[in-house]
C-alpha atoms as a PDB file:
ATOM      1  CA  MET A   1     -12.735  98.857-115.208  1.00  0.00           C
ATOM      2  CA  ILE A   2     -11.450 100.580-118.352  1.00  0.00           C
ATOM      3  CA  LYS A   3     -14.668 102.596-118.677  1.00  0.00           C
ATOM      4  CA  ASN A   4     -13.662 104.448-115.496  1.00  0.00           C
ATOM      5  CA  LEU A   5     -10.660 105.696-117.438  1.00  0.00           C
ATOM      6  CA  PHE A   6     -12.468 107.243-120.413  1.00  0.00           C
ATOM      7  CA  SER A   7     -13.184 110.609-118.801  1.00  0.00           C
ATOM      8  CA  TYR A   8      -9.452 111.120-118.166  1.00  0.00           C
ATOM      9  CA  LEU A   9      -8.531 110.838-121.852  1.00  0.00           C
ATOM     10  CA  PRO A  10      -8.472 113.902-124.149  1.00  0.00           C
ATOM     11  CA  PRO A  11     -11.677 114.115-126.275  1.00  0.00           C
ATOM     12  CA  ASP A  12     -10.428 112.872-129.667  1.00  0.00           C
ATOM     13  CA  ILE A  13      -8.512 109.975-128.153  1.00  0.00           C
ATOM     14  CA  ARG A  14     -11.398 109.143-125.820  1.00  0.00           C
ATOM     15  CA  SER A  15     -13.660 108.800-128.852  1.00  0.00           C
ATOM     16  CA  ALA A  16     -11.176 106.523-130.626  1.00  0.00           C
ATOM     17  CA  VAL A  17     -10.657 104.259-127.611  1.00  0.00           C
ATOM     18  CA  GLN A  18     -14.398 103.997-126.929  1.00  0.00           C
ATOM     19  CA  ASN A  19     -14.851 102.730-130.491  1.00  0.00           C
ATOM     20  CA  ILE A  20     -12.348  99.893-130.145  1.00  0.00           C
ATOM     21  CA  ASN A  21     -14.016  96.501-130.520  1.00  0.00           C
ATOM     22  CA  GLU A  22     -15.203  95.477-127.045  1.00  0.00           C
ATOM     23  CA  ASN A  23     -13.313  92.162-127.126  1.00  0.00           C
ATOM     24  CA  TYR A  24     -10.054  94.051-127.655  1.00  0.00           C
ATOM     25  CA  ARG A  25     -10.961  96.959-125.405  1.00  0.00           C
ATOM     26  CA  GLU A  26     -11.440  94.738-122.358  1.00  0.00           C
ATOM     27  CA  LYS A  27      -7.926  93.338-122.833  1.00  0.00           C
ATOM     28  CA  ILE A  28      -6.160  96.708-122.854  1.00  0.00           C
ATOM     29  CA  ILE A  29      -3.239  97.010-120.434  1.00  0.00           C
ATOM     30  CA  GLU A  30      -1.836 100.372-121.508  1.00  0.00           C
ATOM     31  CA  ILE A  31      -2.750 103.344-123.705  1.00  0.00           C
ATOM     32  CA  ARG A  32       0.295 105.354-124.790  1.00  0.00           C
ATOM     33  CA  LEU A  33       0.128 108.934-126.041  1.00  0.00           C
ATOM     34  CA  ARG A  34       3.360 110.296-127.549  1.00  0.00           C
ATOM     35  CA  VAL A  35       3.474 113.695-129.229  1.00  0.00           C
ATOM     36  CA  ASN A  36       3.769 113.337-133.042  1.00  0.00           C
ATOM     37  CA  GLN A  37       3.587 109.538-132.818  1.00  0.00           C
ATOM     38  CA  PRO A  38       0.784 107.026-133.534  1.00  0.00           C
ATOM     39  CA  LEU A  39      -1.687 106.216-130.760  1.00  0.00           C
ATOM     40  CA  GLN A  40      -0.470 102.913-129.311  1.00  0.00           C
ATOM     41  CA  ILE A  41      -2.557 100.330-127.489  1.00  0.00           C
ATOM     42  CA  ILE A  42      -0.942  97.513-125.517  1.00  0.00           C
ATOM     43  CA  GLY A  43      -3.170  94.532-124.829  1.00  0.00           C
ATOM     44  CA  LEU A  44      -2.876  91.063-123.384  1.00  0.00           C
ATOM     45  CA  ASP A  45      -2.080  89.751-126.877  1.00  0.00           C
ATOM     46  CA  GLY A  46       0.470  92.399-127.865  1.00  0.00           C
ATOM     47  CA  ASP A  47       0.522  95.997-129.059  1.00  0.00           C
ATOM     48  CA  TYR A  48      -1.124  97.749-132.025  1.00  0.00           C
ATOM     49  CA  PHE A  49      -2.039 101.163-133.411  1.00  0.00           C
ATOM     50  CA  ILE A  50      -5.551 102.518-133.949  1.00  0.00           C
ATOM     51  CA  ASP A  51      -7.074 105.197-136.163  1.00  0.00           C
ATOM     52  CA  SER A  52      -9.512 107.937-135.123  1.00  0.00           C
ATOM     53  CA  HIS A  53     -12.386 105.429-135.367  1.00  0.00           C
ATOM     54  CA  GLY A  54     -10.777 102.912-133.011  1.00  0.00           C
ATOM     55  CA  GLN A  55      -9.878 100.471-135.770  1.00  0.00           C
ATOM     56  CA  LYS A  56      -6.605  98.546-135.747  1.00  0.00           C
ATOM     57  CA  THR A  57      -4.369  99.906-138.466  1.00  0.00           C
ATOM     58  CA  SER A  58      -0.817 100.406-139.678  1.00  0.00           C
ATOM     59  CA  LYS A  59       1.557 102.986-138.244  1.00  0.00           C
ATOM     60  CA  ARG A  60       1.095 105.043-141.407  1.00  0.00           C
ATOM     61  CA  ASN A  61      -2.703 105.266-141.059  1.00  0.00           C
ATOM     62  CA  ALA A  62      -2.903 105.528-137.273  1.00  0.00           C
ATOM     63  CA  TYR A  63      -4.188 108.492-135.284  1.00  0.00           C
ATOM     64  CA  ILE A  64      -1.207 110.776-134.653  1.00  0.00           C
ATOM     65  CA  VAL A  65      -1.147 112.215-131.150  1.00  0.00           C
ATOM     66  CA  ASN A  66      -0.564 115.971-131.165  1.00  0.00           C
ATOM     67  CA  ARG A  67       0.666 118.345-128.487  1.00  0.00           C
ATOM     68  CA  GLU A  68      -2.851 119.665-127.915  1.00  0.00           C
ATOM     69  CA  ASP A  69      -4.034 116.132-127.036  1.00  0.00           C
ATOM     70  CA  VAL A  70      -1.347 115.868-124.377  1.00  0.00           C
ATOM     71  CA  LYS A  71      -2.067 119.360-123.023  1.00  0.00           C
ATOM     72  CA  LYS A  72      -5.768 118.536-122.709  1.00  0.00           C
ATOM     73  CA  ALA A  73      -4.954 115.244-120.981  1.00  0.00           C
ATOM     74  CA  VAL A  74      -2.700 116.965-118.430  1.00  0.00           C
ATOM     75  CA  THR A  75      -5.387 119.583-117.740  1.00  0.00           C
ATOM     76  CA  ILE A  76      -7.946 116.838-117.096  1.00  0.00           C
ATOM     77  CA  LEU A  77      -5.590 114.763-114.946  1.00  0.00           C
ATOM     78  CA  THR A  78      -4.509 117.680-112.764  1.00  0.00           C
ATOM     79  CA  ASP A  79      -8.011 119.180-112.621  1.00  0.00           C
ATOM     80  CA  ASN A  80      -6.491 122.459-113.804  1.00  0.00           C
ATOM     81  CA  SER A  81      -4.211 122.625-110.760  1.00  0.00           C
ATOM     82  CA  VAL A  82      -0.662 121.405-111.271  1.00  0.00           C
ATOM     83  CA  TYR A  83       0.276 122.488-107.726  1.00  0.00           C
ATOM     84  CA  ALA A  84      -2.315 120.141-106.180  1.00  0.00           C
ATOM     85  CA  VAL A  85      -0.492 117.124-107.604  1.00  0.00           C
ATOM     86  CA  GLU A  86       3.060 118.473-107.494  1.00  0.00           C
ATOM     87  CA  ARG A  87       4.404 115.537-105.473  1.00  0.00           C
ATOM     88  CA  GLN A  88       2.980 113.062-107.965  1.00  0.00           C
ATOM     89  CA  LEU A  89       4.377 115.110-110.846  1.00  0.00           C
ATOM     90  CA  ALA A  90       7.813 114.836-109.261  1.00  0.00           C
ATOM     91  CA  GLU A  91       7.366 111.056-109.050  1.00  0.00           C
ATOM     92  CA  GLY A  92       6.444 110.834-112.733  1.00  0.00           C
ATOM     93  CA  PHE A  93       2.889 109.552-112.388  1.00  0.00           C
ATOM     94  CA  ILE A  94      -0.632 110.488-111.342  1.00  0.00           C
ATOM     95  CA  THR A  95      -3.107 107.999-109.870  1.00  0.00           C
ATOM     96  CA  ILE A  96      -6.814 108.366-110.623  1.00  0.00           C
ATOM     97  CA  PRO A  97      -9.927 106.740-109.087  1.00  0.00           C
ATOM     98  CA  GLY A  98      -9.858 102.972-109.510  1.00  0.00           C
ATOM     99  CA  GLY A  99      -6.102 102.809-108.999  1.00  0.00           C
ATOM    100  CA  HIS A 100      -5.268 103.452-112.660  1.00  0.00           C
ATOM    101  CA  ARG A 101      -1.840 105.058-112.948  1.00  0.00           C
ATOM    102  CA  ILE A 102      -0.809 107.541-115.617  1.00  0.00           C
ATOM    103  CA  GLY A 103       2.941 107.809-116.072  1.00  0.00           C
ATOM    104  CA  PHE A 104       4.561 110.576-118.070  1.00  0.00           C
ATOM    105  CA  THR A 105       7.837 111.883-119.402  1.00  0.00           C
ATOM    106  CA  GLY A 106       8.984 115.333-120.427  1.00  0.00           C
ATOM    107  CA  GLN A 107      11.438 117.948-119.192  1.00  0.00           C
ATOM    108  CA  ALA A 108      12.565 117.397-115.615  1.00  0.00           C
ATOM    109  CA  VAL A 109      12.971 120.394-113.302  1.00  0.00           C
ATOM    110  CA  VAL A 110      15.807 119.512-110.914  1.00  0.00           C
ATOM    111  CA  GLU A 111      16.639 121.306-107.675  1.00  0.00           C
ATOM    112  CA  SER A 112      19.450 120.209-105.330  1.00  0.00           C
ATOM    113  CA  GLY A 113      19.763 116.975-107.243  1.00  0.00           C
ATOM    114  CA  GLU A 114      16.079 116.082-106.819  1.00  0.00           C
ATOM    115  CA  ILE A 115      13.321 116.162-109.442  1.00  0.00           C
ATOM    116  CA  ARG A 116      10.828 118.818-108.331  1.00  0.00           C
ATOM    117  CA  LEU A 117       8.401 118.285-111.211  1.00  0.00           C
ATOM    118  CA  ILE A 118       8.213 117.328-114.867  1.00  0.00           C
ATOM    119  CA  LYS A 119       7.061 119.980-117.343  1.00  0.00           C
ATOM    120  CA  ASN A 120       6.591 120.095-121.135  1.00  0.00           C
ATOM    121  CA  ILE A 121       5.123 116.603-120.969  1.00  0.00           C
ATOM    122  CA  ASN A 122       5.552 114.707-124.240  1.00  0.00           C
ATOM    123  CA  CYS A 123       4.327 111.216-123.398  1.00  0.00           C
ATOM    124  CA  LEU A 124       1.522 109.776-121.266  1.00  0.00           C
ATOM    125  CA  ASN A 125       1.104 106.117-120.383  1.00  0.00           C
ATOM    126  CA  TYR A 126      -2.325 105.138-119.053  1.00  0.00           C
ATOM    127  CA  ARG A 127      -1.902 101.856-117.141  1.00  0.00           C
ATOM    128  CA  ILE A 128      -5.168 100.046-116.481  1.00  0.00           C
ATOM    129  CA  THR A 129      -5.660  98.411-113.093  1.00  0.00           C
ATOM    130  CA  ARG A 130      -7.915  95.356-112.865  1.00  0.00           C
ATOM    131  CA  GLU A 131      -9.194  93.497-109.850  1.00  0.00           C
ATOM    132  CA  MET A 132      -8.918  89.738-110.294  1.00  0.00           C
ATOM    133  CA  ILE A 133     -10.779  88.231-107.379  1.00  0.00           C
ATOM    134  CA  GLY A 134      -9.530  84.738-106.576  1.00  0.00           C
ATOM    135  CA  VAL A 135      -6.016  84.856-108.052  1.00  0.00           C
ATOM    136  CA  GLY A 136      -4.582  84.697-104.535  1.00  0.00           C
ATOM    137  CA  ASN A 137      -6.174  81.300-103.896  1.00  0.00           C
ATOM    138  CA  LYS A 138      -3.386  79.526-105.782  1.00  0.00           C
ATOM    139  CA  VAL A 139      -0.684  80.732-103.363  1.00  0.00           C
ATOM    140  CA  ILE A 140      -2.383  81.472-100.045  1.00  0.00           C
ATOM    141  CA  LYS A 141      -1.761  78.040 -98.444  1.00  0.00           C
ATOM    142  CA  GLN A 142       1.926  78.150 -99.320  1.00  0.00           C
ATOM    143  CA  ILE A 143       2.456  81.459 -97.521  1.00  0.00           C
ATOM    144  CA  TYR A 144       0.605  80.514 -94.316  1.00  0.00           C
ATOM    145  CA  ASP A 145       2.275  78.796 -91.373  1.00  0.00           C
ATOM    146  CA  PHE A 146      -0.511  76.487 -90.185  1.00  0.00           C
ATOM    147  CA  LYS A 147       1.478  75.376 -87.136  1.00  0.00           C
ATOM    148  CA  ASN A 148       2.040  78.865 -85.713  1.00  0.00           C
ATOM    149  CA  ARG A 149      -1.067  80.355 -87.367  1.00  0.00           C
ATOM    150  CA  VAL A 150       0.797  83.304 -88.879  1.00  0.00           C
ATOM    151  CA  TYR A 151       1.670  84.367 -92.401  1.00  0.00           C
ATOM    152  CA  TYR A 152       5.208  83.947 -93.649  1.00  0.00           C
ATOM    153  CA  ASN A 153       7.079  87.092 -94.657  1.00  0.00           C
ATOM    154  CA  THR A 154       6.533  86.891 -98.397  1.00  0.00           C
ATOM    155  CA  MET A 155       7.990  88.682-101.420  1.00  0.00           C
ATOM    156  CA  ILE A 156       6.336  88.596-104.854  1.00  0.00           C
ATOM    157  CA  VAL A 157       8.987  89.011-107.569  1.00  0.00           C
ATOM    158  CA  SER A 158       8.510  89.681-111.279  1.00  0.00           C
ATOM    159  CA  PRO A 159       9.300  92.072-114.140  1.00  0.00           C
ATOM    160  CA  PRO A 160       6.775  94.865-114.857  1.00  0.00           C
ATOM    161  CA  LEU A 161       3.330  93.914-116.222  1.00  0.00           C
ATOM    162  CA  CYS A 162       3.330  90.405-114.779  1.00  0.00           C
ATOM    163  CA  GLY A 163       0.581  90.891-112.205  1.00  0.00           C
ATOM    164  CA  LYS A 164       2.474  91.571-108.962  1.00  0.00           C
ATOM    165  CA  THR A 165       0.099  94.223-107.673  1.00  0.00           C
ATOM    166  CA  THR A 166      -2.978  92.295-108.792  1.00  0.00           C
ATOM    167  CA  LEU A 167      -1.825  89.234-106.850  1.00  0.00           C
ATOM    168  CA  LEU A 168      -0.829  91.313-103.813  1.00  0.00           C
ATOM    169  CA  ARG A 169      -4.248  92.988-103.734  1.00  0.00           C
ATOM    170  CA  ASP A 170      -6.092  89.672-103.694  1.00  0.00           C
ATOM    171  CA  ILE A 171      -3.749  88.207-101.081  1.00  0.00           C
ATOM    172  CA  VAL A 172      -4.560  91.223 -98.879  1.00  0.00           C
ATOM    173  CA  ARG A 173      -8.281  90.575 -99.366  1.00  0.00           C
ATOM    174  CA  LEU A 174      -7.911  86.901 -98.429  1.00  0.00           C
ATOM    175  CA  ILE A 175      -5.749  87.571 -95.370  1.00  0.00           C
ATOM    176  CA  SER A 176      -8.144  90.248 -94.161  1.00  0.00           C
ATOM    177  CA  ASN A 177     -11.340  88.256 -94.641  1.00  0.00           C
ATOM    178  CA  GLY A 178      -9.923  84.873 -93.651  1.00  0.00           C
ATOM    179  CA  ILE A 179     -10.262  81.611 -95.571  1.00  0.00           C
ATOM    180  CA  LYS A 180     -12.957  79.435 -94.040  1.00  0.00           C
ATOM    181  CA  LYS A 181     -12.137  76.554 -96.385  1.00  0.00           C
ATOM    182  CA  TYR A 182      -8.701  76.153 -94.780  1.00  0.00           C
ATOM    183  CA  GLY A 183      -9.671  77.237 -91.283  1.00  0.00           C
ATOM    184  CA  ILE A 184      -7.566  80.398 -91.540  1.00  0.00           C
ATOM    185  CA  PRO A 185      -8.995  83.301 -89.506  1.00  0.00           C
ATOM    186  CA  GLY A 186      -9.066  86.873 -90.788  1.00  0.00           C
ATOM    187  CA  LYS A 187      -6.265  89.140 -89.625  1.00  0.00           C
ATOM    188  CA  LYS A 188      -5.719  92.882 -89.264  1.00  0.00           C
ATOM    189  CA  VAL A 189      -3.894  94.098 -92.367  1.00  0.00           C
ATOM    190  CA  GLY A 190      -2.186  97.458 -92.802  1.00  0.00           C
ATOM    191  CA  VAL A 191      -1.608  98.523 -96.406  1.00  0.00           C
ATOM    192  CA  VAL A 192       0.867 101.242 -97.352  1.00  0.00           C
ATOM    193  CA  ASP A 193      -0.329 102.247-100.810  1.00  0.00           C
ATOM    194  CA  GLU A 194       2.182 104.826-102.021  1.00  0.00           C
ATOM    195  CA  ARG A 195       0.862 104.869-105.600  1.00  0.00           C
ATOM    196  CA  SER A 196      -2.824 104.190-104.808  1.00  0.00           C
ATOM    197  CA  GLU A 197      -2.696 101.022-106.913  1.00  0.00           C
ATOM    198  CA  ILE A 198      -3.577  98.443-104.264  1.00  0.00           C
ATOM    199  CA  GLY A 199      -6.662 100.027-102.746  1.00  0.00           C
ATOM    200  CA  GLY A 200      -7.536 102.217-105.723  1.00  0.00           C
ATOM    201  CA  ALA A 201      -8.538 104.932-103.262  1.00  0.00           C
ATOM    202  CA  TYR A 202     -10.286 108.170-104.103  1.00  0.00           C
ATOM    203  CA  ASN A 203     -10.270 110.812-101.354  1.00  0.00           C
ATOM    204  CA  GLY A 204      -8.805 108.142 -99.086  1.00  0.00           C
ATOM    205  CA  ILE A 205     -11.634 105.608 -99.500  1.00  0.00           C
ATOM    206  CA  PRO A 206     -10.665 102.269-101.120  1.00  0.00           C
ATOM    207  CA  GLY A 207     -12.326 101.556-104.444  1.00  0.00           C
ATOM    208  CA  ASN A 208     -11.007  98.006-104.637  1.00  0.00           C
ATOM    209  CA  ARG A 209     -11.990  95.059-102.487  1.00  0.00           C
ATOM    210  CA  ILE A 210      -9.177  94.716 -99.970  1.00  0.00           C
ATOM    211  CA  GLY A 211     -10.993  93.046 -97.077  1.00  0.00           C
ATOM    212  CA  SER A 212     -13.022  93.882 -93.998  1.00  0.00           C
ATOM    213  CA  ARG A 213     -10.069  94.031 -91.570  1.00  0.00           C
ATOM    214  CA  THR A 214      -7.803  96.194 -93.734  1.00  0.00           C
ATOM    215  CA  ASP A 215      -6.536  99.663 -92.801  1.00  0.00           C
ATOM    216  CA  LEU A 216      -5.367 101.636 -95.845  1.00  0.00           C
ATOM    217  CA  LEU A 217      -2.693 104.326 -95.715  1.00  0.00           C
ATOM    218  CA  ASP A 218      -2.963 105.954 -99.124  1.00  0.00           C
ATOM    219  CA  ASN A 219      -0.431 108.094-101.028  1.00  0.00           C
ATOM    220  CA  CYS A 220       2.188 107.702 -98.307  1.00  0.00           C
ATOM    221  CA  PRO A 221       5.905 106.878 -98.746  1.00  0.00           C
ATOM    222  CA  LYS A 222       6.434 103.216 -97.905  1.00  0.00           C
ATOM    223  CA  ALA A 223       9.091 103.536 -95.227  1.00  0.00           C
ATOM    224  CA  LYS A 224       7.230 106.222 -93.281  1.00  0.00           C
ATOM    225  CA  GLY A 225       3.933 104.378 -93.732  1.00  0.00           C
ATOM    226  CA  ILE A 226       5.272 101.085 -92.406  1.00  0.00           C
ATOM    227  CA  SER A 227       6.587 102.791 -89.262  1.00  0.00           C
ATOM    228  CA  LEU A 228       3.314 104.677 -88.777  1.00  0.00           C
ATOM    229  CA  LEU A 229       1.206 101.523 -89.045  1.00  0.00           C
ATOM    230  CA  VAL A 230       3.383  99.611 -86.585  1.00  0.00           C
ATOM    231  CA  ARG A 231       3.169 102.448 -84.055  1.00  0.00           C
ATOM    232  CA  SER A 232      -0.519 103.276 -84.327  1.00  0.00           C
ATOM    233  CA  MET A 233      -2.607 100.483 -85.893  1.00  0.00           C
ATOM    234  CA  SER A 234      -1.310  97.223 -84.337  1.00  0.00           C
ATOM    235  CA  PRO A 235      -1.394  95.314 -87.645  1.00  0.00           C
ATOM    236  CA  GLU A 236      -0.803  91.588 -87.789  1.00  0.00           C
ATOM    237  CA  VAL A 237       0.223  91.820 -91.446  1.00  0.00           C
ATOM    238  CA  ILE A 238       1.568  94.756 -93.486  1.00  0.00           C
ATOM    239  CA  ALA A 239       1.397  94.840 -97.288  1.00  0.00           C
ATOM    240  CA  VAL A 240       3.482  97.130 -99.520  1.00  0.00           C
ATOM    241  CA  ASP A 241       4.116  97.359-103.253  1.00  0.00           C
ATOM    242  CA  GLU A 242       7.445  97.745-105.066  1.00  0.00           C
ATOM    243  CA  ILE A 243      10.032  97.906-102.295  1.00  0.00           C
ATOM    244  CA  GLY A 244      13.650  98.524-103.167  1.00  0.00           C
ATOM    245  CA  ASN A 245      15.494 101.396-101.511  1.00  0.00           C
ATOM    246  CA  GLU A 246      17.471 101.616 -98.290  1.00  0.00           C
ATOM    247  CA  GLU A 247      14.684 103.364 -96.350  1.00  0.00           C
ATOM    248  CA  ASP A 248      12.250 100.571 -97.258  1.00  0.00           C
ATOM    249  CA  VAL A 249      14.698  97.950 -96.033  1.00  0.00           C
ATOM    250  CA  ILE A 250      15.178  99.638 -92.644  1.00  0.00           C
ATOM    251  CA  ALA A 251      11.411  99.996 -92.127  1.00  0.00           C
ATOM    252  CA  ILE A 252      10.820  96.364 -93.107  1.00  0.00           C
ATOM    253  CA  GLN A 253      13.415  95.186 -90.601  1.00  0.00           C
ATOM    254  CA  GLU A 254      11.791  97.232 -87.846  1.00  0.00           C
ATOM    255  CA  ALA A 255       8.346  95.855 -88.696  1.00  0.00           C
ATOM    256  CA  THR A 256       9.401  92.211 -88.801  1.00  0.00           C
ATOM    257  CA  ASN A 257      11.355  92.646 -85.568  1.00  0.00           C
ATOM    258  CA  SER A 258       8.077  93.857 -84.038  1.00  0.00           C
ATOM    259  CA  GLY A 259       6.408  90.565 -84.908  1.00  0.00           C
ATOM    260  CA  VAL A 260       4.425  91.832 -87.897  1.00  0.00           C
ATOM    261  CA  SER A 261       4.231  89.625 -90.999  1.00  0.00           C
ATOM    262  CA  LEU A 262       5.103  91.364 -94.256  1.00  0.00           C
ATOM    263  CA  ILE A 263       3.804  90.799 -97.789  1.00  0.00           C
ATOM    264  CA  ALA A 264       5.695  92.831-100.406  1.00  0.00           C
ATOM    265  CA  THR A 265       6.464  93.023-104.114  1.00  0.00           C
ATOM    266  CA  ALA A 266       9.692  93.847-105.937  1.00  0.00           C
ATOM    267  CA  HIS A 267      10.821  94.208-109.542  1.00  0.00           C
ATOM    268  CA  GLY A 268      13.102  91.451-110.829  1.00  0.00           C
ATOM    269  CA  GLU A 269      13.304  88.543-113.256  1.00  0.00           C
ATOM    270  CA  ASN A 270      14.333  86.226-110.424  1.00  0.00           C
ATOM    271  CA  LEU A 271      16.190  86.242-107.115  1.00  0.00           C
ATOM    272  CA  THR A 272      19.563  86.525-108.845  1.00  0.00           C
ATOM    273  CA  THR A 273      18.673  89.825-110.518  1.00  0.00           C
ATOM    274  CA  LEU A 274      17.021  91.011-107.306  1.00  0.00           C
ATOM    275  CA  LYS A 275      20.278  90.544-105.397  1.00  0.00           C
ATOM    276  CA  MET A 276      22.062  92.853-107.847  1.00  0.00           C
ATOM    277  CA  ARG A 277      20.389  95.776-106.097  1.00  0.00           C
ATOM    278  CA  PRO A 278      22.437  96.573-102.941  1.00  0.00           C
ATOM    279  CA  ALA A 279      19.494  97.290-100.639  1.00  0.00           C
ATOM    280  CA  MET A 280      17.661  94.124-101.697  1.00  0.00           C
ATOM    281  CA  ALA A 281      20.820  92.031-101.408  1.00  0.00           C
ATOM    282  CA  ARG A 282      21.273  93.192 -97.814  1.00  0.00           C
ATOM    283  CA  LEU A 283      17.644  92.455 -96.972  1.00  0.00           C
ATOM    284  CA  MET A 284      17.795  88.964 -98.479  1.00  0.00           C
ATOM    285  CA  SER A 285      21.119  88.130 -96.852  1.00  0.00           C
ATOM    286  CA  LYS A 286      19.469  88.503 -93.446  1.00  0.00           C
ATOM    287  CA  ASN A 287      16.685  86.053 -94.393  1.00  0.00           C
ATOM    288  CA  PHE A 288      13.864  88.427 -93.488  1.00  0.00           C
ATOM    289  CA  PHE A 289      11.651  86.757 -96.099  1.00  0.00           C
ATOM    290  CA  ASP A 290      10.467  83.170 -95.738  1.00  0.00           C
ATOM    291  CA  ARG A 291       8.674  82.815 -99.088  1.00  0.00           C
ATOM    292  CA  PHE A 292       9.338  84.128-102.592  1.00  0.00           C
ATOM    293  CA  ILE A 293       6.644  83.964-105.281  1.00  0.00           C
ATOM    294  CA  ILE A 294       8.180  84.281-108.761  1.00  0.00           C
ATOM    295  CA  LEU A 295       5.817  85.480-111.505  1.00  0.00           C
ATOM    296  CA  SER A 296       6.118  85.711-115.286  1.00  0.00           C
ATOM    297  CA  ARG A 297       3.909  86.064-118.393  1.00  0.00           C
ATOM    298  CA  LYS A 298       4.843  82.705-119.935  1.00  0.00           C
ATOM    299  CA  ARG A 299       1.286  81.382-119.722  1.00  0.00           C
ATOM    300  CA  GLY A 300      -0.382  84.759-119.441  1.00  0.00           C
ATOM    301  CA  ILE A 301      -0.102  87.601-116.945  1.00  0.00           C
ATOM    302  CA  GLY A 302       0.272  86.330-113.386  1.00  0.00           C
ATOM    303  CA  THR A 303       1.867  82.972-114.212  1.00  0.00           C
ATOM    304  CA  VAL A 304       3.295  81.542-110.977  1.00  0.00           C
ATOM    305  CA  GLU A 305       6.668  80.131-111.992  1.00  0.00           C
ATOM    306  CA  LYS A 306       7.490  78.818-108.533  1.00  0.00           C
ATOM    307  CA  ILE A 307       7.266  79.481-104.824  1.00  0.00           C
ATOM    308  CA  ILE A 308      10.474  78.978-102.864  1.00  0.00           C
ATOM    309  CA  ASP A 309      11.552  79.313 -99.243  1.00  0.00           C
ATOM    310  CA  SER A 310      14.536  81.221 -97.859  1.00  0.00           C
ATOM    311  CA  THR A 311      16.869  78.272 -98.556  1.00  0.00           C
ATOM    312  CA  GLY A 312      15.873  78.116-102.227  1.00  0.00           C
ATOM    313  CA  LYS A 313      13.761  74.985-101.822  1.00  0.00           C
ATOM    314  CA  GLU A 314      10.565  74.926-103.853  1.00  0.00           C
ATOM    315  CA  VAL A 315       7.322  74.979-101.843  1.00  0.00           C
ATOM    316  CA  VAL A 316       4.392  72.960-103.180  1.00  0.00           C
END
């Protein structure tokens, strides 16, 4: 998957990353480019710096990212047209084929209290997306109501870089295709993929395996996408990534009231921290979700700490 990313790196950094030892290269999670700072690689086993030959090294001897590197990267990522990706620039990230997301910081241009775009970019964070087929198998039975033959409304909760989206993607695939082993039929799934990380779409066509009964709504705000799917696609299940604001909550309530099952993710260490966010607290107080999957990195990315129901009882 990381090889798909190479062409979106500036030339000198592309060469360095391509020369990283393959065993390390395949474990890369993030590549961070900061102007006048060493080239940083974050892997499954921690972070390190590399030199121009892709060798691990000290901060002192590392490749120092320059402004020209960042300018070249932005030119590649925007295909020479900043206006074509203006909405993504305002959001602080660009998604490329394969679902890889490049976040960035710089000087925000604010109009009427809203960020219109970010210019003078000084940092780029290339986040690598990986499909992990089969990771959903460890939770799929716990989120299915065998008696009523429907999926429970489920929220996957974890801090960043713990595998929420990876797990969600595989759950979507399983729900869509069905699980013959357990006698669970495939269902129509609608995916609202605001950041193009679930389906990894390019020109609207999914690049990731998300199932044969899945309808993908790419690059669409979650709240509007949920309402659109309910109105026009008659989904049995809707999947969304990283919910959290008031608009999301209203759309989720409308969808669940329409009889659609919902599978969603949210940032949080646990349910206690999740409830500190007003919109999430309101959603949880109404018991819209029947299952909560709590993830961590304690035994590697995607560690399932526990699965609990709406009363707080652990589900096994």
